[in-house]
């Protein structure tokens, strides 16, 4: 039995959202050929950037993204987009949102709630920049742990609109590593790992 929020896709490529009892909820039908059940992401307090990216792709796949970015869309399409969004958020959050608003307004409300208004966003960018600039690889840090820290910071900065090039990240990496990595041949695999993870 499919779980809540799963999209069942038939061999013909038609999808529908099902509730916990397997009942069709009438949410969008995809076109094209999809071969599996697709689970919608669930929004949490910490995963908004990834949730938004995945939802954008899924809403595009079901032909609903226009309801989120345009003002004048058919009400049925808007309701399908709204139902899809509501399926991915907690009941507490659903109660905070106005179901009579459009899916575009709901999407923007979720964005502001999770990314924050510009002042909050700028404060977060400044805090991340400080963390990024002060980041040093500790003696006990493994390469994987350090790359994880750096990629988390870089990813969050980019999600907030900060522009960081590969050169910026590699430069930061080289400045943050201890002396034992001064030998270029020792750092090359490290640089390749960060480029794969961050870009």
N, C-alpha and C. Protein backbone atom coordinates (compact mmCIF):
# COMPACT_ATOMS: atom_id res chain seq x y z
N UNK A 1 0.85 -1.19 0.00
CA UNK A 1 0.00 0.00 0.00
C UNK A 1 0.88 1.24 0.00
N UNK A 2 0.60 2.21 -0.86
CA UNK A 2 1.42 3.42 -0.91
C UNK A 2 1.29 4.23 0.37
N UNK A 3 2.33 4.94 0.72
CA UNK A 3 2.26 5.77 1.91
C UNK A 3 1.68 7.13 1.57
N UNK A 4 1.26 7.85 2.61
CA UNK A 4 0.67 9.19 2.44
C UNK A 4 1.64 10.06 1.67
N UNK A 5 1.15 10.76 0.67
CA UNK A 5 1.97 11.67 -0.10
C UNK A 5 2.68 11.02 -1.26
N UNK A 6 2.46 9.72 -1.45
CA UNK A 6 3.12 9.04 -2.57
C UNK A 6 2.32 9.28 -3.83
N UNK A 7 3.00 9.29 -4.93
CA UNK A 7 2.33 9.41 -6.22
C UNK A 7 2.46 8.06 -6.90
N UNK A 8 1.33 7.48 -7.24
CA UNK A 8 1.36 6.24 -7.98
C UNK A 8 1.34 6.58 -9.45
N UNK A 9 2.20 5.92 -10.19
CA UNK A 9 2.29 6.18 -11.61
C UNK A 9 1.98 4.90 -12.36
N UNK A 10 1.00 4.98 -13.25
CA UNK A 10 0.62 3.80 -14.03
C UNK A 10 1.60 3.60 -15.16
N UNK A 11 1.50 2.46 -15.82
CA UNK A 11 2.37 2.19 -16.96
C UNK A 11 2.15 3.20 -18.07
N UNK A 12 0.98 3.77 -18.13
CA UNK A 12 0.68 4.77 -19.15
C UNK A 12 1.28 6.13 -18.79
N UNK A 13 1.87 6.21 -17.58
CA UNK A 13 2.50 7.47 -17.17
C UNK A 13 1.56 8.41 -16.47
N UNK A 14 0.39 7.93 -16.06
CA UNK A 14 -0.54 8.79 -15.35
C UNK A 14 -0.33 8.62 -13.86
N UNK A 15 -0.25 9.74 -13.14
CA UNK A 15 -0.01 9.68 -11.71
C UNK A 15 -1.15 10.29 -10.92
N UNK A 16 -1.27 9.83 -9.68
CA UNK A 16 -2.24 10.43 -8.80
C UNK A 16 -1.75 10.29 -7.38
N UNK A 17 -2.10 11.24 -6.53
CA UNK A 17 -1.71 11.20 -5.14
C UNK A 17 -2.72 10.37 -4.38
N UNK A 18 -2.23 9.57 -3.44
CA UNK A 18 -3.12 8.71 -2.67
C UNK A 18 -2.98 9.01 -1.20
N UNK A 19 -4.07 8.82 -0.46
CA UNK A 19 -3.99 9.02 0.99
C UNK A 19 -3.52 7.74 1.65
N UNK A 20 -3.46 7.73 2.97
CA UNK A 20 -2.95 6.59 3.72
C UNK A 20 -3.73 5.31 3.50
N UNK A 21 -4.97 5.39 3.06
CA UNK A 21 -5.78 4.20 2.81
C UNK A 21 -5.71 3.76 1.35
N UNK A 22 -4.89 4.43 0.57
CA UNK A 22 -4.76 4.08 -0.84
C UNK A 22 -5.83 4.70 -1.72
N UNK A 23 -6.66 5.57 -1.15
CA UNK A 23 -7.72 6.20 -1.93
C UNK A 23 -7.14 7.33 -2.77
N UNK A 24 -7.57 7.42 -4.01
CA UNK A 24 -7.09 8.46 -4.92
C UNK A 24 -7.59 9.81 -4.42
N UNK A 25 -6.65 10.76 -4.28
CA UNK A 25 -7.02 12.09 -3.79
C UNK A 25 -7.26 13.07 -4.91
N UNK A 26 -7.15 12.61 -6.15
CA UNK A 26 -7.47 13.47 -7.28
C UNK A 26 -6.43 14.51 -7.60
N UNK A 27 -5.23 14.35 -7.08
CA UNK A 27 -4.17 15.29 -7.39
C UNK A 27 -3.60 14.88 -8.73
N UNK A 28 -2.88 15.77 -9.38
CA UNK A 28 -2.55 15.77 -10.79
C UNK A 28 -2.13 14.47 -11.44
N UNK A 29 -2.35 14.44 -12.71
CA UNK A 29 -1.90 13.33 -13.53
C UNK A 29 -0.73 13.80 -14.36
N UNK A 30 0.34 13.03 -14.30
CA UNK A 30 1.53 13.40 -15.07
C UNK A 30 1.40 12.88 -16.49
N UNK A 31 2.13 13.50 -17.38
CA UNK A 31 2.20 13.00 -18.73
C UNK A 31 3.60 12.45 -18.95
N UNK A 32 3.75 11.60 -19.93
CA UNK A 32 5.05 11.01 -20.17
C UNK A 32 5.12 9.64 -19.53
N UNK A 33 6.29 9.06 -19.53
CA UNK A 33 6.45 7.72 -18.98
C UNK A 33 7.28 7.78 -17.72
N UNK A 34 6.67 7.47 -16.60
CA UNK A 34 7.36 7.36 -15.32
C UNK A 34 7.16 5.93 -14.85
N UNK A 35 8.19 5.34 -14.26
CA UNK A 35 8.13 3.92 -14.00
C UNK A 35 7.99 3.55 -12.54
N UNK A 36 7.82 4.50 -11.63
CA UNK A 36 7.79 4.14 -10.22
C UNK A 36 6.87 5.05 -9.44
N UNK A 37 6.72 4.72 -8.18
CA UNK A 37 5.97 5.56 -7.27
C UNK A 37 6.88 6.69 -6.81
N UNK A 38 6.39 7.91 -6.88
CA UNK A 38 7.20 9.08 -6.51
C UNK A 38 6.67 9.62 -5.19
N UNK A 39 7.55 9.74 -4.20
CA UNK A 39 7.15 10.28 -2.91
C UNK A 39 7.45 11.78 -2.87
N UNK A 40 6.48 12.56 -2.47
CA UNK A 40 6.70 13.99 -2.32
C UNK A 40 7.53 14.22 -1.07
N UNK A 41 8.42 15.22 -1.09
CA UNK A 41 9.22 15.52 0.10
C UNK A 41 8.34 16.14 1.18
N UNK A 42 8.73 15.99 2.43
CA UNK A 42 8.00 16.60 3.53
C UNK A 42 8.82 17.78 4.05
N UNK A 43 8.17 18.93 4.15
CA UNK A 43 8.85 20.13 4.63
C UNK A 43 9.08 20.03 6.13
N UNK A 44 10.33 20.30 6.54
CA UNK A 44 10.66 20.36 7.97
C UNK A 44 11.20 21.75 8.27
N UNK A 45 11.60 21.97 9.53
CA UNK A 45 12.12 23.27 9.91
C UNK A 45 13.47 23.56 9.26
N UNK A 46 14.19 22.51 8.84
CA UNK A 46 15.56 22.70 8.38
C UNK A 46 15.79 22.40 6.90
N UNK A 47 14.80 21.88 6.18
CA UNK A 47 15.08 21.43 4.81
C UNK A 47 14.42 22.27 3.72
N UNK A 48 14.03 23.51 4.01
CA UNK A 48 13.29 24.29 3.02
C UNK A 48 13.98 24.37 1.65
N UNK A 49 15.28 24.69 1.57
CA UNK A 49 15.89 24.82 0.24
C UNK A 49 15.76 23.54 -0.60
N UNK A 50 16.04 22.40 0.01
CA UNK A 50 15.93 21.14 -0.72
C UNK A 50 14.46 20.82 -1.02
N UNK A 51 13.57 21.06 -0.06
CA UNK A 51 12.14 20.83 -0.28
C UNK A 51 11.65 21.66 -1.46
N UNK A 52 12.03 22.93 -1.49
CA UNK A 52 11.57 23.83 -2.56
C UNK A 52 12.07 23.36 -3.92
N UNK A 53 13.32 22.92 -4.01
CA UNK A 53 13.86 22.43 -5.28
C UNK A 53 13.11 21.19 -5.74
N UNK A 54 12.92 20.24 -4.84
CA UNK A 54 12.24 19.00 -5.21
C UNK A 54 10.78 19.26 -5.59
N UNK A 55 10.12 20.15 -4.83
CA UNK A 55 8.73 20.47 -5.15
C UNK A 55 8.62 21.15 -6.50
N UNK A 56 9.56 22.04 -6.80
CA UNK A 56 9.53 22.74 -8.09
C UNK A 56 9.61 21.71 -9.23
N UNK A 57 10.51 20.75 -9.10
CA UNK A 57 10.65 19.72 -10.13
C UNK A 57 9.38 18.88 -10.23
N UNK A 58 8.84 18.47 -9.09
CA UNK A 58 7.62 17.64 -9.11
C UNK A 58 6.43 18.42 -9.67
N UNK A 59 6.29 19.67 -9.25
CA UNK A 59 5.17 20.47 -9.77
C UNK A 59 5.31 20.71 -11.27
N UNK A 60 6.54 20.89 -11.74
CA UNK A 60 6.75 21.01 -13.19
C UNK A 60 6.39 19.70 -13.89
N UNK A 61 6.79 18.57 -13.30
CA UNK A 61 6.50 17.27 -13.90
C UNK A 61 5.00 17.03 -14.04
N UNK A 62 4.23 17.57 -13.11
CA UNK A 62 2.77 17.40 -13.15
C UNK A 62 2.05 18.58 -13.80
N UNK A 63 2.82 19.47 -14.41
CA UNK A 63 2.21 20.59 -15.12
C UNK A 63 1.56 21.62 -14.21
N UNK A 64 2.03 21.73 -12.96
CA UNK A 64 1.40 22.61 -11.99
C UNK A 64 2.26 23.81 -11.58
N UNK A 65 3.50 23.86 -12.04
CA UNK A 65 4.39 24.93 -11.61
C UNK A 65 3.86 26.30 -12.00
N UNK A 66 3.17 26.40 -13.12
CA UNK A 66 2.63 27.70 -13.54
C UNK A 66 1.65 28.26 -12.51
N UNK A 67 0.96 27.39 -11.78
CA UNK A 67 0.02 27.85 -10.75
C UNK A 67 0.77 28.52 -9.60
N UNK A 68 2.03 28.17 -9.41
CA UNK A 68 2.83 28.72 -8.32
C UNK A 68 3.50 30.04 -8.73
N UNK A 69 3.75 30.23 -10.01
CA UNK A 69 4.48 31.42 -10.44
C UNK A 69 3.64 32.44 -11.20
N UNK A 70 2.44 32.05 -11.63
CA UNK A 70 1.60 32.97 -12.41
C UNK A 70 0.38 33.37 -11.60
N UNK A 71 -0.17 34.53 -11.94
CA UNK A 71 -1.34 35.02 -11.22
C UNK A 71 -2.66 34.49 -11.77
N UNK A 72 -2.76 34.38 -13.06
CA UNK A 72 -4.04 34.03 -13.68
C UNK A 72 -4.01 32.60 -14.22
N UNK A 73 -4.36 31.65 -13.35
CA UNK A 73 -4.41 30.24 -13.75
C UNK A 73 -5.80 29.70 -13.44
N UNK A 74 -6.22 28.67 -14.17
CA UNK A 74 -7.53 28.08 -13.88
C UNK A 74 -7.62 27.62 -12.42
N UNK A 75 -8.76 27.80 -11.81
CA UNK A 75 -8.95 27.47 -10.39
C UNK A 75 -8.65 25.99 -10.11
N UNK A 76 -9.03 25.10 -11.02
CA UNK A 76 -8.78 23.67 -10.83
C UNK A 76 -7.29 23.39 -10.75
N UNK A 77 -6.53 24.00 -11.63
CA UNK A 77 -5.08 23.81 -11.63
C UNK A 77 -4.48 24.37 -10.34
N UNK A 78 -4.98 25.52 -9.91
CA UNK A 78 -4.50 26.13 -8.67
C UNK A 78 -4.82 25.22 -7.48
N UNK A 79 -6.00 24.64 -7.46
CA UNK A 79 -6.37 23.73 -6.36
C UNK A 79 -5.52 22.47 -6.36
N UNK A 80 -5.20 21.96 -7.54
CA UNK A 80 -4.33 20.79 -7.62
C UNK A 80 -2.94 21.11 -7.06
N UNK A 81 -2.42 22.28 -7.42
CA UNK A 81 -1.11 22.69 -6.91
C UNK A 81 -1.17 22.88 -5.40
N UNK A 82 -2.25 23.50 -4.92
CA UNK A 82 -2.42 23.72 -3.49
C UNK A 82 -2.51 22.38 -2.74
N UNK A 83 -3.27 21.45 -3.29
CA UNK A 83 -3.40 20.13 -2.67
C UNK A 83 -2.04 19.43 -2.60
N UNK A 84 -1.26 19.57 -3.64
CA UNK A 84 0.07 18.96 -3.67
C UNK A 84 0.96 19.59 -2.61
N UNK A 85 0.94 20.90 -2.49
CA UNK A 85 1.74 21.60 -1.47
C UNK A 85 1.29 21.18 -0.08
N UNK A 86 -0.02 21.18 0.16
CA UNK A 86 -0.54 20.82 1.49
C UNK A 86 -0.19 19.38 1.85
N UNK A 87 -0.09 18.52 0.88
CA UNK A 87 0.25 17.12 1.13
C UNK A 87 1.67 16.97 1.68
N UNK A 88 2.51 17.99 1.48
CA UNK A 88 3.92 17.88 1.87
C UNK A 88 4.27 18.65 3.15
N UNK A 89 3.29 19.24 3.80
CA UNK A 89 3.57 20.01 5.01
C UNK A 89 2.82 19.42 6.19
N UNK A 90 3.29 19.73 7.39
CA UNK A 90 2.70 19.19 8.60
C UNK A 90 1.30 19.75 8.82
N UNK A 91 0.53 19.05 9.63
CA UNK A 91 -0.82 19.51 9.97
C UNK A 91 -0.78 20.84 10.69
N UNK A 92 0.22 21.03 11.58
CA UNK A 92 0.35 22.30 12.28
C UNK A 92 0.56 23.45 11.31
N UNK A 93 1.39 23.23 10.32
CA UNK A 93 1.65 24.26 9.32
C UNK A 93 0.42 24.50 8.44
N UNK A 94 -0.29 23.44 8.12
CA UNK A 94 -1.52 23.58 7.34
C UNK A 94 -2.51 24.49 8.05
N UNK A 95 -2.60 24.36 9.38
CA UNK A 95 -3.53 25.18 10.14
C UNK A 95 -3.13 26.66 10.15
N UNK A 96 -1.84 26.94 9.93
CA UNK A 96 -1.37 28.32 9.90
C UNK A 96 -1.63 29.00 8.56
N UNK A 97 -1.89 28.21 7.54
CA UNK A 97 -2.07 28.75 6.19
C UNK A 97 -3.54 28.92 5.86
N UNK A 98 -3.84 29.88 5.00
CA UNK A 98 -5.21 30.15 4.58
C UNK A 98 -5.50 29.34 3.32
N UNK A 99 -6.38 28.38 3.44
CA UNK A 99 -6.69 27.51 2.29
C UNK A 99 -7.42 28.24 1.17
N UNK A 100 -7.90 29.44 1.43
CA UNK A 100 -8.57 30.22 0.40
C UNK A 100 -7.61 31.04 -0.45
N UNK A 101 -6.35 31.07 -0.06
CA UNK A 101 -5.35 31.79 -0.86
C UNK A 101 -4.97 30.93 -2.06
N UNK A 102 -4.32 31.56 -3.02
CA UNK A 102 -3.85 30.82 -4.19
C UNK A 102 -2.60 30.01 -3.83
N UNK A 103 -2.26 29.07 -4.69
CA UNK A 103 -1.05 28.29 -4.45
C UNK A 103 0.18 29.20 -4.55
N UNK A 104 0.12 30.24 -5.38
CA UNK A 104 1.23 31.19 -5.48
C UNK A 104 1.42 31.91 -4.15
N UNK A 105 0.35 32.38 -3.55
CA UNK A 105 0.43 33.07 -2.27
C UNK A 105 0.90 32.13 -1.17
N UNK A 106 0.44 30.90 -1.20
CA UNK A 106 0.85 29.90 -0.21
C UNK A 106 2.33 29.60 -0.35
N UNK A 107 2.81 29.42 -1.59
CA UNK A 107 4.23 29.16 -1.83
C UNK A 107 5.08 30.30 -1.27
N UNK A 108 4.66 31.54 -1.54
CA UNK A 108 5.41 32.71 -1.06
C UNK A 108 5.39 32.78 0.46
N UNK A 109 4.25 32.45 1.08
CA UNK A 109 4.17 32.44 2.54
C UNK A 109 5.15 31.43 3.12
N UNK A 110 5.20 30.23 2.53
CA UNK A 110 6.14 29.20 3.00
C UNK A 110 7.58 29.66 2.81
N UNK A 111 7.85 30.33 1.70
CA UNK A 111 9.21 30.83 1.45
C UNK A 111 9.60 31.84 2.52
N UNK A 112 8.72 32.79 2.79
CA UNK A 112 9.02 33.83 3.78
C UNK A 112 9.16 33.22 5.17
N UNK A 113 8.31 32.25 5.50
CA UNK A 113 8.38 31.60 6.80
C UNK A 113 9.70 30.86 6.99
N UNK A 114 10.23 30.34 5.91
CA UNK A 114 11.42 29.50 6.01
C UNK A 114 12.71 30.20 5.65
N UNK A 115 12.67 31.13 4.72
CA UNK A 115 13.87 31.87 4.35
C UNK A 115 13.90 33.19 5.12
N UNK A 116 12.74 33.73 5.37
CA UNK A 116 12.66 34.96 6.14
C UNK A 116 12.62 36.19 5.27
N UNK A 117 12.26 37.27 5.87
CA UNK A 117 12.25 38.55 5.17
C UNK A 117 13.69 38.97 4.90
N UNK A 118 13.87 39.94 4.06
CA UNK A 118 15.21 40.33 3.61
C UNK A 118 16.18 40.62 4.75
N UNK A 119 15.71 41.30 5.78
CA UNK A 119 16.61 41.63 6.89
C UNK A 119 17.12 40.37 7.58
N UNK A 120 16.22 39.43 7.81
CA UNK A 120 16.60 38.16 8.43
C UNK A 120 17.52 37.38 7.49
N UNK A 121 17.19 37.40 6.21
CA UNK A 121 18.01 36.72 5.21
C UNK A 121 19.42 37.29 5.19
N UNK A 122 19.53 38.62 5.19
CA UNK A 122 20.84 39.26 5.18
C UNK A 122 21.63 38.92 6.44
N UNK A 123 20.96 38.88 7.58
CA UNK A 123 21.63 38.52 8.83
C UNK A 123 22.15 37.09 8.76
N UNK A 124 21.37 36.20 8.17
CA UNK A 124 21.79 34.81 8.03
C UNK A 124 22.99 34.70 7.07
N UNK A 125 22.96 35.46 5.98
CA UNK A 125 24.08 35.46 5.04
C UNK A 125 25.35 35.94 5.74
N UNK A 126 25.24 37.01 6.54
CA UNK A 126 26.41 37.52 7.26
C UNK A 126 26.97 36.48 8.23
N UNK A 127 26.08 35.80 8.94
CA UNK A 127 26.53 34.77 9.88
C UNK A 127 27.22 33.62 9.14
N UNK A 128 26.66 33.24 8.00
CA UNK A 128 27.27 32.16 7.21
C UNK A 128 28.62 32.59 6.63
N UNK A 129 28.71 33.85 6.17
CA UNK A 129 29.99 34.36 5.65
C UNK A 129 31.06 34.31 6.73
N UNK A 130 30.69 34.72 7.94
CA UNK A 130 31.64 34.69 9.05
C UNK A 130 32.08 33.25 9.34
N UNK A 131 31.11 32.34 9.36
CA UNK A 131 31.42 30.93 9.59
C UNK A 131 32.31 30.39 8.47
N UNK A 132 32.01 30.77 7.24
CA UNK A 132 32.77 30.35 6.06
C UNK A 132 34.22 30.86 6.15
N UNK A 133 34.38 32.15 6.46
CA UNK A 133 35.72 32.75 6.52
C UNK A 133 36.53 32.23 7.70
N UNK A 134 35.88 31.89 8.80
CA UNK A 134 36.59 31.41 9.99
C UNK A 134 36.76 29.90 10.03
N UNK A 135 36.22 29.21 9.05
CA UNK A 135 36.29 27.75 9.04
C UNK A 135 37.72 27.26 8.92
N UNK A 136 38.14 26.42 9.82
CA UNK A 136 39.46 25.80 9.80
C UNK A 136 39.28 24.31 10.06
N UNK A 137 40.08 23.53 9.39
CA UNK A 137 40.05 22.09 9.60
C UNK A 137 40.81 21.79 10.89
N UNK A 138 40.10 21.20 11.85
CA UNK A 138 40.71 20.86 13.12
C UNK A 138 41.61 19.64 13.00
N UNK A 139 42.47 19.46 13.99
CA UNK A 139 43.39 18.32 13.98
C UNK A 139 42.64 16.99 13.96
N UNK A 140 41.50 16.95 14.61
CA UNK A 140 40.74 15.70 14.70
C UNK A 140 39.69 15.55 13.60
N UNK A 141 39.53 16.56 12.74
CA UNK A 141 38.55 16.48 11.65
C UNK A 141 39.04 15.53 10.57
N UNK A 142 38.14 14.67 10.13
CA UNK A 142 38.46 13.86 8.96
C UNK A 142 38.18 14.69 7.71
N UNK A 143 38.73 14.29 6.59
CA UNK A 143 38.49 15.00 5.33
C UNK A 143 37.00 15.03 5.04
N UNK A 144 36.33 13.90 5.24
CA UNK A 144 34.89 13.81 4.95
C UNK A 144 34.10 14.76 5.84
N UNK A 145 34.44 14.82 7.14
CA UNK A 145 33.73 15.72 8.06
C UNK A 145 33.92 17.17 7.65
N UNK A 146 35.16 17.52 7.32
CA UNK A 146 35.44 18.91 6.95
C UNK A 146 34.74 19.29 5.65
N UNK A 147 34.78 18.41 4.66
CA UNK A 147 34.09 18.67 3.40
C UNK A 147 32.59 18.82 3.66
N UNK A 148 32.05 18.01 4.56
CA UNK A 148 30.63 18.12 4.91
C UNK A 148 30.29 19.48 5.50
N UNK A 149 31.14 19.96 6.42
CA UNK A 149 30.92 21.30 7.02
C UNK A 149 30.96 22.39 5.95
N UNK A 150 32.01 22.33 5.12
CA UNK A 150 32.16 23.35 4.09
C UNK A 150 31.02 23.30 3.08
N UNK A 151 30.64 22.12 2.64
CA UNK A 151 29.57 22.02 1.64
C UNK A 151 28.23 22.46 2.21
N UNK A 152 27.97 22.21 3.51
CA UNK A 152 26.73 22.68 4.14
C UNK A 152 26.67 24.19 4.13
N UNK A 153 27.77 24.83 4.51
CA UNK A 153 27.82 26.30 4.55
C UNK A 153 27.65 26.87 3.15
N UNK A 154 28.39 26.34 2.18
CA UNK A 154 28.33 26.83 0.80
C UNK A 154 26.93 26.63 0.23
N UNK A 155 26.35 25.48 0.46
CA UNK A 155 25.01 25.19 -0.05
C UNK A 155 23.98 26.16 0.54
N UNK A 156 24.06 26.40 1.84
CA UNK A 156 23.10 27.31 2.47
C UNK A 156 23.29 28.73 1.96
N UNK A 157 24.55 29.16 1.78
CA UNK A 157 24.81 30.51 1.26
C UNK A 157 24.24 30.65 -0.15
N UNK A 158 24.46 29.65 -1.00
CA UNK A 158 23.93 29.69 -2.36
C UNK A 158 22.41 29.70 -2.37
N UNK A 159 21.79 28.93 -1.48
CA UNK A 159 20.33 28.89 -1.42
C UNK A 159 19.75 30.23 -0.99
N UNK A 160 20.54 31.03 -0.29
CA UNK A 160 20.10 32.36 0.12
C UNK A 160 20.45 33.43 -0.92
N UNK A 161 21.05 32.98 -2.04
CA UNK A 161 21.33 33.90 -3.14
C UNK A 161 22.76 34.40 -3.20
N UNK A 162 23.60 33.95 -2.32
CA UNK A 162 25.01 34.38 -2.32
C UNK A 162 25.74 33.67 -3.46
N UNK A 163 26.52 34.42 -4.21
CA UNK A 163 27.25 33.87 -5.35
C UNK A 163 28.64 33.44 -4.90
N UNK A 164 28.92 32.16 -4.99
CA UNK A 164 30.24 31.61 -4.69
C UNK A 164 30.69 30.78 -5.88
N UNK A 165 31.85 31.10 -6.42
CA UNK A 165 32.36 30.33 -7.55
C UNK A 165 33.15 29.14 -7.03
N UNK A 166 33.47 28.22 -7.94
CA UNK A 166 34.31 27.08 -7.58
C UNK A 166 35.65 27.59 -7.07
N UNK A 167 36.18 28.65 -7.70
CA UNK A 167 37.45 29.23 -7.27
C UNK A 167 37.40 29.74 -5.85
N UNK A 168 36.28 30.39 -5.47
CA UNK A 168 36.11 30.87 -4.09
C UNK A 168 36.18 29.70 -3.10
N UNK A 169 35.46 28.64 -3.44
CA UNK A 169 35.37 27.50 -2.53
C UNK A 169 36.72 26.79 -2.42
N UNK A 170 37.39 26.60 -3.54
CA UNK A 170 38.71 25.96 -3.51
C UNK A 170 39.70 26.82 -2.73
N UNK A 171 39.67 28.14 -2.94
CA UNK A 171 40.53 29.05 -2.18
C UNK A 171 40.28 28.95 -0.69
N UNK A 172 39.01 28.94 -0.32
CA UNK A 172 38.66 28.81 1.10
C UNK A 172 39.16 27.47 1.65
N UNK A 173 39.01 26.44 0.86
CA UNK A 173 39.46 25.11 1.25
C UNK A 173 40.97 25.10 1.51
N UNK A 174 41.72 25.69 0.59
CA UNK A 174 43.18 25.71 0.73
C UNK A 174 43.62 26.51 1.96
N UNK A 175 42.90 27.60 2.26
CA UNK A 175 43.24 28.41 3.44
C UNK A 175 42.83 27.74 4.74
N UNK A 176 41.87 26.84 4.67
CA UNK A 176 41.32 26.23 5.88
C UNK A 176 42.00 24.94 6.30
N UNK A 177 42.81 24.38 5.42
CA UNK A 177 43.44 23.09 5.74
C UNK A 177 44.74 23.30 6.52
N UNK A 178 45.09 22.34 7.35
CA UNK A 178 46.32 22.46 8.14
C UNK A 178 47.58 22.31 7.28
N UNK A 179 48.74 22.58 7.88
CA UNK A 179 50.01 22.57 7.17
C UNK A 179 50.32 21.23 6.52
N UNK A 180 49.86 20.16 7.10
CA UNK A 180 50.17 18.85 6.53
C UNK A 180 49.63 18.69 5.12
N UNK A 181 48.69 19.58 4.71
CA UNK A 181 48.14 19.54 3.36
C UNK A 181 48.79 20.57 2.43
N UNK A 182 49.88 21.19 2.87
CA UNK A 182 50.54 22.20 2.04
C UNK A 182 51.08 21.62 0.74
N UNK A 183 51.49 20.39 0.76
CA UNK A 183 51.99 19.73 -0.44
C UNK A 183 50.82 19.61 -1.42
N UNK A 184 50.95 20.18 -2.61
CA UNK A 184 49.86 20.21 -3.59
C UNK A 184 49.37 18.80 -3.94
N UNK A 185 50.31 17.84 -4.00
CA UNK A 185 49.88 16.49 -4.37
C UNK A 185 48.99 15.88 -3.30
N UNK A 186 49.14 16.32 -2.06
CA UNK A 186 48.30 15.79 -0.99
C UNK A 186 46.91 16.44 -1.01
N UNK A 187 46.83 17.67 -1.46
CA UNK A 187 45.55 18.39 -1.41
C UNK A 187 44.69 18.13 -2.64
N UNK A 188 45.27 17.71 -3.75
CA UNK A 188 44.50 17.51 -4.99
C UNK A 188 43.27 16.62 -4.81
N UNK A 189 43.39 15.42 -4.20
CA UNK A 189 42.18 14.62 -4.01
C UNK A 189 41.15 15.32 -3.15
N UNK A 190 41.63 16.10 -2.19
CA UNK A 190 40.77 16.85 -1.30
C UNK A 190 39.97 17.90 -2.08
N UNK A 191 40.67 18.62 -2.98
CA UNK A 191 40.02 19.64 -3.82
C UNK A 191 38.99 18.98 -4.74
N UNK A 192 39.34 17.87 -5.33
CA UNK A 192 38.40 17.16 -6.21
C UNK A 192 37.16 16.73 -5.45
N UNK A 193 37.36 16.26 -4.22
CA UNK A 193 36.22 15.83 -3.41
C UNK A 193 35.28 17.00 -3.11
N UNK A 194 35.85 18.14 -2.76
CA UNK A 194 35.00 19.30 -2.46
C UNK A 194 34.29 19.79 -3.70
N UNK A 195 34.94 19.75 -4.86
CA UNK A 195 34.28 20.20 -6.10
C UNK A 195 33.11 19.29 -6.43
N UNK A 196 33.26 18.01 -6.21
CA UNK A 196 32.18 17.07 -6.49
C UNK A 196 31.02 17.29 -5.54
N UNK A 197 31.32 17.50 -4.26
CA UNK A 197 30.27 17.65 -3.24
C UNK A 197 29.55 18.98 -3.33
N UNK A 198 30.29 20.06 -3.56
CA UNK A 198 29.72 21.41 -3.48
C UNK A 198 29.08 21.87 -4.77
N UNK A 199 29.60 21.45 -5.93
CA UNK A 199 29.07 21.99 -7.18
C UNK A 199 28.00 21.13 -7.77
